[in-house]
Amino acid sequence: MPVSNNPHRVSLRMMPCPAPAEAVLLACSGFPMPEAERADLLSCVSLLSRALILRSKALSHVFLHISSSQNPAAAPMLSPHARKWMPELGFGVWLARNPPSLWTREEFENLEPGGQLRPMAELVFRITTDDAAKDHARSIMFGTGAVIEMQSRDDGATLARRGTQLLLPTIQDDSFKSYPFYFPLLDGAAIAAASYAQLQGWLCGGGVYIGESIEDCGVLALSLESFRPVLDQIGAIPDPDTPGGLVIPVK
């Protein structure tokens, strides 16, 4: 989907998703985001997040997904803030994909010159300190493709434990079985192929997932309830340039 040329509005569209859940994508031009685009999208995502929290009375939990192959610039941005954020290291597991495994001899033999091996480990860091630190982490890291928010009435440790209970049994390779917690990673393809019951399980007791998605080129937001009242509340209007699309004006 083309990104709006207006620098003061953010384009979004509904994504395929099993009812009654809904998913939307706030589109961007790519990662890392240019600064002007980053500022507008961060403003919209923060507005959406706050409106959803007010609706559900949930807690906000911020995670940082760092992949050496997809957003390598994110890792050096984490360490200067480690004392304030107190990140806990975990392991991300892509849903509706093959479980993580070590590289095979066949993969090395079939690697084309200049090619890259598939990512082997998806690291996820849970921000464990207060809400101010979570907001600070989101503001600093947003635009790198790393930021994920889960909204749940459970505390962060309970959410992480439920993710581990869900995902650890799916991992066969012993090399990936010793992380402190395991976290679900979502993209548009996984959501479109899932049932509503699967989405409920994947959110580990939560109701909302908002994550930067390099795969979908934007910020992917999933809610187990309809987004439409909240989108109206934050000022989303029909996009005159894209049939069926919406835009959020940025003030």
Protein backbone atom coordinates (compact mmCIF):
# COMPACT_ATOMS: atom_id res chain seq x y z
CA MET A 1 0.00 0.00 0.00
CA PRO A 2 1.46 3.39 -0.94
CA VAL A 3 2.23 5.70 1.95
CA SER A 4 0.42 9.04 1.92
CA ASN A 5 2.45 11.95 0.54
CA ASN A 6 1.02 14.20 3.25
CA PRO A 7 3.66 14.30 6.00
CA HIS A 8 1.01 15.16 8.62
CA ARG A 9 -1.22 12.14 8.32
CA VAL A 10 -0.67 8.42 8.69
CA SER A 11 -2.25 5.86 6.37
CA LEU A 12 -3.79 2.69 7.73
CA ARG A 13 -5.80 -0.20 6.41
CA MET A 14 -7.67 -3.15 7.80
CA MET A 15 -5.82 -6.46 7.55
CA PRO A 16 -7.32 -9.94 7.06
CA CYS A 17 -8.22 -11.25 10.51
CA PRO A 18 -10.73 -13.73 11.99
CA ALA A 19 -13.75 -12.03 13.57
CA PRO A 20 -14.48 -10.70 16.10
CA ALA A 21 -10.79 -9.75 16.32
CA GLU A 22 -9.51 -7.00 14.04
CA ALA A 23 -6.07 -6.08 12.72
CA VAL A 24 -4.84 -2.84 11.17
CA LEU A 25 -1.58 -1.80 9.57
CA LEU A 26 -0.22 1.73 9.94
CA ALA A 27 1.93 1.93 6.84
CA CYS A 28 5.47 3.25 6.57
CA SER A 29 8.02 3.59 3.77
CA GLY A 30 10.41 1.08 5.36
CA PHE A 31 12.79 0.47 8.26
CA PRO A 32 14.65 2.26 9.67
CA MET A 33 12.06 5.02 9.28
CA PRO A 34 13.05 8.52 8.16
CA GLU A 35 12.81 10.88 11.14
CA ALA A 36 9.80 12.93 10.00
CA GLU A 37 7.81 9.78 9.25
CA ARG A 38 8.96 8.21 12.51
CA ALA A 39 7.67 11.17 14.53
CA ASP A 40 4.22 11.08 12.89
CA LEU A 41 3.84 7.32 13.28
CA LEU A 42 5.03 7.37 16.87
CA SER A 43 2.44 10.04 17.66
CA CYS A 44 -0.35 7.96 16.10
CA VAL A 45 0.75 4.70 17.71
CA SER A 46 0.96 6.35 21.13
CA LEU A 47 -2.51 7.80 20.66
CA LEU A 48 -3.90 4.40 19.63
CA SER A 49 -2.18 2.66 22.52
CA ARG A 50 -3.55 5.06 25.12
CA ALA A 51 -7.09 4.82 23.74
CA LEU A 52 -6.99 1.01 23.84
CA ILE A 53 -5.66 1.00 27.40
CA LEU A 54 -8.44 3.32 28.54
CA ARG A 55 -11.02 1.05 26.92
CA SER A 56 -9.78 -2.20 28.46
CA LYS A 57 -8.19 -0.92 31.71
CA ALA A 58 -5.14 -3.03 30.77
CA LEU A 59 -1.45 -2.65 31.55
CA SER A 60 1.09 -1.80 28.85
CA HIS A 61 4.10 -4.09 28.43
CA VAL A 62 6.92 -3.07 26.08
CA PHE A 63 9.27 -5.53 24.38
CA LEU A 64 12.16 -4.95 21.97
CA HIS A 65 12.68 -7.50 19.18
CA ILE A 66 16.24 -7.35 17.87
CA SER A 67 17.30 -9.43 14.88
CA SER A 68 20.87 -9.36 13.57
CA SER A 69 19.60 -9.84 10.01
CA GLN A 70 16.69 -7.39 9.98
CA ASN A 71 17.39 -4.50 12.36
CA PRO A 72 21.06 -4.71 13.40
CA ALA A 73 21.19 -0.98 14.19
CA ALA A 74 18.76 -1.50 17.09
CA ALA A 75 21.18 -3.44 19.30
CA PRO A 76 23.68 -0.59 19.94
CA MET A 77 20.75 1.68 20.89
CA LEU A 78 19.73 -0.61 23.74
CA SER A 79 22.88 -0.74 25.88
CA PRO A 80 23.13 3.00 26.82
CA HIS A 81 19.69 2.75 28.46
CA ALA A 82 20.04 -0.66 30.11
CA ARG A 83 20.24 0.73 33.65
CA LYS A 84 16.99 2.70 33.23
CA TRP A 85 15.05 0.05 31.30
CA MET A 86 16.42 -3.08 33.04
CA PRO A 87 15.76 -5.29 29.99
CA GLU A 88 15.24 -9.02 30.54
CA LEU A 89 16.51 -11.20 27.70
CA GLY A 90 14.04 -13.61 26.11
CA PHE A 91 13.57 -15.56 22.89
CA GLY A 92 11.08 -14.66 20.16
CA VAL A 93 9.20 -17.39 18.31
CA TRP A 94 7.47 -16.65 15.01
CA LEU A 95 3.96 -18.05 15.02
CA ALA A 96 2.72 -20.17 12.10
CA ARG A 97 6.35 -20.83 11.03
CA ASN A 98 8.79 -23.67 11.53
CA PRO A 99 10.26 -23.79 15.04
CA PRO A 100 13.76 -22.33 15.51
CA SER A 101 16.67 -24.64 14.72
CA LEU A 102 20.42 -24.56 14.18
CA TRP A 103 21.74 -24.13 10.67
CA THR A 104 22.15 -27.37 8.75
CA ARG A 105 25.02 -28.52 6.57
CA GLU A 106 22.66 -28.40 3.58
CA GLU A 107 21.94 -24.71 4.23
CA PHE A 108 25.67 -23.92 4.20
CA GLU A 109 26.19 -25.94 1.02
CA ASN A 110 23.28 -24.25 -0.78
CA LEU A 111 24.20 -20.70 0.25
CA GLU A 112 24.75 -18.52 -2.81
CA PRO A 113 27.80 -16.20 -2.90
CA GLY A 114 26.88 -13.01 -1.08
CA GLY A 115 23.75 -14.61 0.34
CA GLN A 116 22.67 -14.72 3.99
CA LEU A 117 21.70 -17.63 6.16
CA ARG A 118 18.24 -17.46 7.73
CA PRO A 119 18.04 -15.82 11.16
CA MET A 120 18.71 -18.45 13.81
CA ALA A 121 17.85 -16.59 17.02
CA GLU A 122 15.26 -13.86 17.51
CA LEU A 123 16.12 -11.98 20.71
CA VAL A 124 13.37 -10.17 22.61
CA PHE A 125 13.98 -7.87 25.58
CA ARG A 126 11.24 -7.14 28.13
CA ILE A 127 11.39 -3.68 29.72
CA THR A 128 10.98 -4.50 33.40
CA THR A 129 10.92 -1.11 35.12
CA ASP A 130 8.12 1.46 35.39
CA ASP A 131 5.73 2.95 32.83
CA ALA A 132 7.99 5.97 32.32
CA ALA A 133 10.84 3.66 31.29
CA LYS A 134 8.53 1.75 28.93
CA ASP A 135 7.44 4.99 27.26
CA HIS A 136 11.07 6.10 27.05
CA ALA A 137 12.11 2.81 25.45
CA ARG A 138 9.35 3.09 22.88
CA SER A 139 10.24 6.69 22.02
CA ILE A 140 13.95 5.89 21.62
CA MET A 141 13.66 2.59 19.76
CA PHE A 142 10.61 3.31 17.61
CA GLY A 143 11.40 3.34 13.91
CA THR A 144 14.04 0.60 14.07
CA GLY A 145 11.55 -2.25 13.66
CA ALA A 146 12.09 -3.41 17.24
CA VAL A 147 9.19 -2.08 19.34
CA ILE A 148 6.31 -4.35 20.38
CA GLU A 149 3.62 -3.57 22.95
CA MET A 150 1.32 -6.12 24.53
CA GLN A 151 -1.66 -4.97 26.57
CA SER A 152 -2.90 -7.27 29.32
CA ARG A 153 -4.46 -7.06 32.76
CA ASP A 154 -1.69 -9.39 33.94
CA ASP A 155 1.66 -8.11 35.13
CA GLY A 156 4.71 -8.47 32.90
CA ALA A 157 6.13 -11.52 34.65
CA THR A 158 2.81 -13.37 34.28
CA LEU A 159 2.59 -12.44 30.60
CA ALA A 160 6.15 -13.70 30.01
CA ARG A 161 5.41 -16.93 31.88
CA ARG A 162 2.33 -17.58 29.74
CA GLY A 163 4.37 -17.01 26.61
CA THR A 164 6.89 -19.57 27.82
CA GLN A 165 4.14 -22.09 28.59
CA LEU A 166 2.76 -21.61 25.07
CA LEU A 167 5.97 -21.61 23.05
CA LEU A 168 8.65 -23.63 24.82
CA PRO A 169 6.94 -26.98 24.06
CA THR A 170 7.08 -26.17 20.32
CA ILE A 171 10.90 -25.91 20.31
CA GLN A 172 12.69 -29.16 19.47
CA ASP A 173 16.31 -28.01 19.41
CA ASP A 174 17.90 -28.08 22.88
CA SER A 175 20.09 -25.09 21.96
CA PHE A 176 17.05 -22.82 22.26
CA LYS A 177 15.44 -24.21 25.40
CA SER A 178 17.22 -22.29 28.15
CA TYR A 179 16.02 -18.69 27.77
CA PRO A 180 14.30 -16.94 30.72
CA PHE A 181 11.11 -16.42 28.74
CA TYR A 182 9.61 -16.94 25.28
CA PHE A 183 7.59 -14.38 23.36
CA PRO A 184 5.17 -14.67 20.39
CA LEU A 185 6.12 -12.80 17.22
CA LEU A 186 3.28 -11.96 14.83
CA ASP A 187 3.03 -10.81 11.24
CA GLY A 188 0.08 -10.22 8.94
CA ALA A 189 0.34 -13.64 7.30
CA ALA A 190 0.09 -15.46 10.64
CA ILE A 191 -2.92 -13.40 11.72
CA ALA A 192 -4.73 -13.96 8.41
CA ALA A 193 -4.24 -17.75 8.62
CA ALA A 194 -5.24 -18.08 12.28
CA SER A 195 -8.54 -18.82 13.95
CA TYR A 196 -9.92 -16.53 16.63
CA ALA A 197 -9.16 -19.19 19.26
CA GLN A 198 -5.54 -19.29 18.08
CA LEU A 199 -5.23 -15.51 18.38
CA GLN A 200 -6.56 -15.68 21.93
CA GLY A 201 -3.90 -18.24 22.81
CA TRP A 202 -1.12 -16.34 21.05
CA LEU A 203 -1.84 -13.17 23.04
CA CYS A 204 -1.18 -15.09 26.27
CA GLY A 205 -4.12 -13.66 28.19
CA GLY A 206 -3.73 -10.18 26.68
CA GLY A 207 -6.10 -8.36 24.38
CA VAL A 208 -3.89 -6.17 22.18
CA TYR A 209 -0.60 -6.57 20.26
CA ILE A 210 0.98 -3.51 18.60
CA GLY A 211 4.29 -4.20 16.91
CA GLU A 212 6.60 -2.75 14.32
CA SER A 213 6.54 -5.25 11.46
CA ILE A 214 9.39 -5.24 8.98
CA GLU A 215 7.59 -8.07 7.13
CA ASP A 216 4.45 -5.95 6.63
CA CYS A 217 6.25 -2.58 6.26
CA GLY A 218 4.43 -0.79 9.03
CA VAL A 219 3.07 -1.03 12.54
CA LEU A 220 0.78 -4.03 12.90
CA ALA A 221 -1.95 -3.77 15.53
CA LEU A 222 -4.18 -6.66 16.60
CA SER A 223 -7.12 -6.45 18.99
CA LEU A 224 -9.42 -9.24 20.12
CA GLU A 225 -12.19 -6.62 20.06
CA SER A 226 -13.19 -4.26 17.27
CA PHE A 227 -10.85 -1.36 16.53
CA ARG A 228 -13.55 0.77 14.94
CA PRO A 229 -14.80 2.71 17.99
CA VAL A 230 -11.21 3.49 18.99
CA LEU A 231 -10.22 4.55 15.47
CA ASP A 232 -13.18 6.93 15.41
CA GLN A 233 -12.12 8.25 18.82
CA ILE A 234 -8.58 9.09 17.67
CA GLY A 235 -9.81 10.82 14.54
CA ALA A 236 -9.36 8.26 11.74
CA ILE A 237 -11.18 9.32 8.56
CA PRO A 238 -11.59 7.78 5.08
CA ASP A 239 -8.54 8.19 2.86
CA PRO A 240 -9.60 10.09 -0.26
CA ASP A 241 -6.67 8.61 -2.19
CA THR A 242 -7.19 4.94 -1.28
CA PRO A 243 -10.58 3.21 -1.54
CA GLY A 244 -11.30 1.45 1.76
CA GLY A 245 -8.27 3.01 3.45
CA LEU A 246 -8.17 5.33 6.42
CA VAL A 247 -5.90 8.15 7.55
CA ILE A 248 -5.15 9.61 10.97
CA PRO A 249 -4.35 13.33 10.87
CA VAL A 250 -1.29 14.21 12.94
CA LYS A 251 -1.61 17.45 14.91
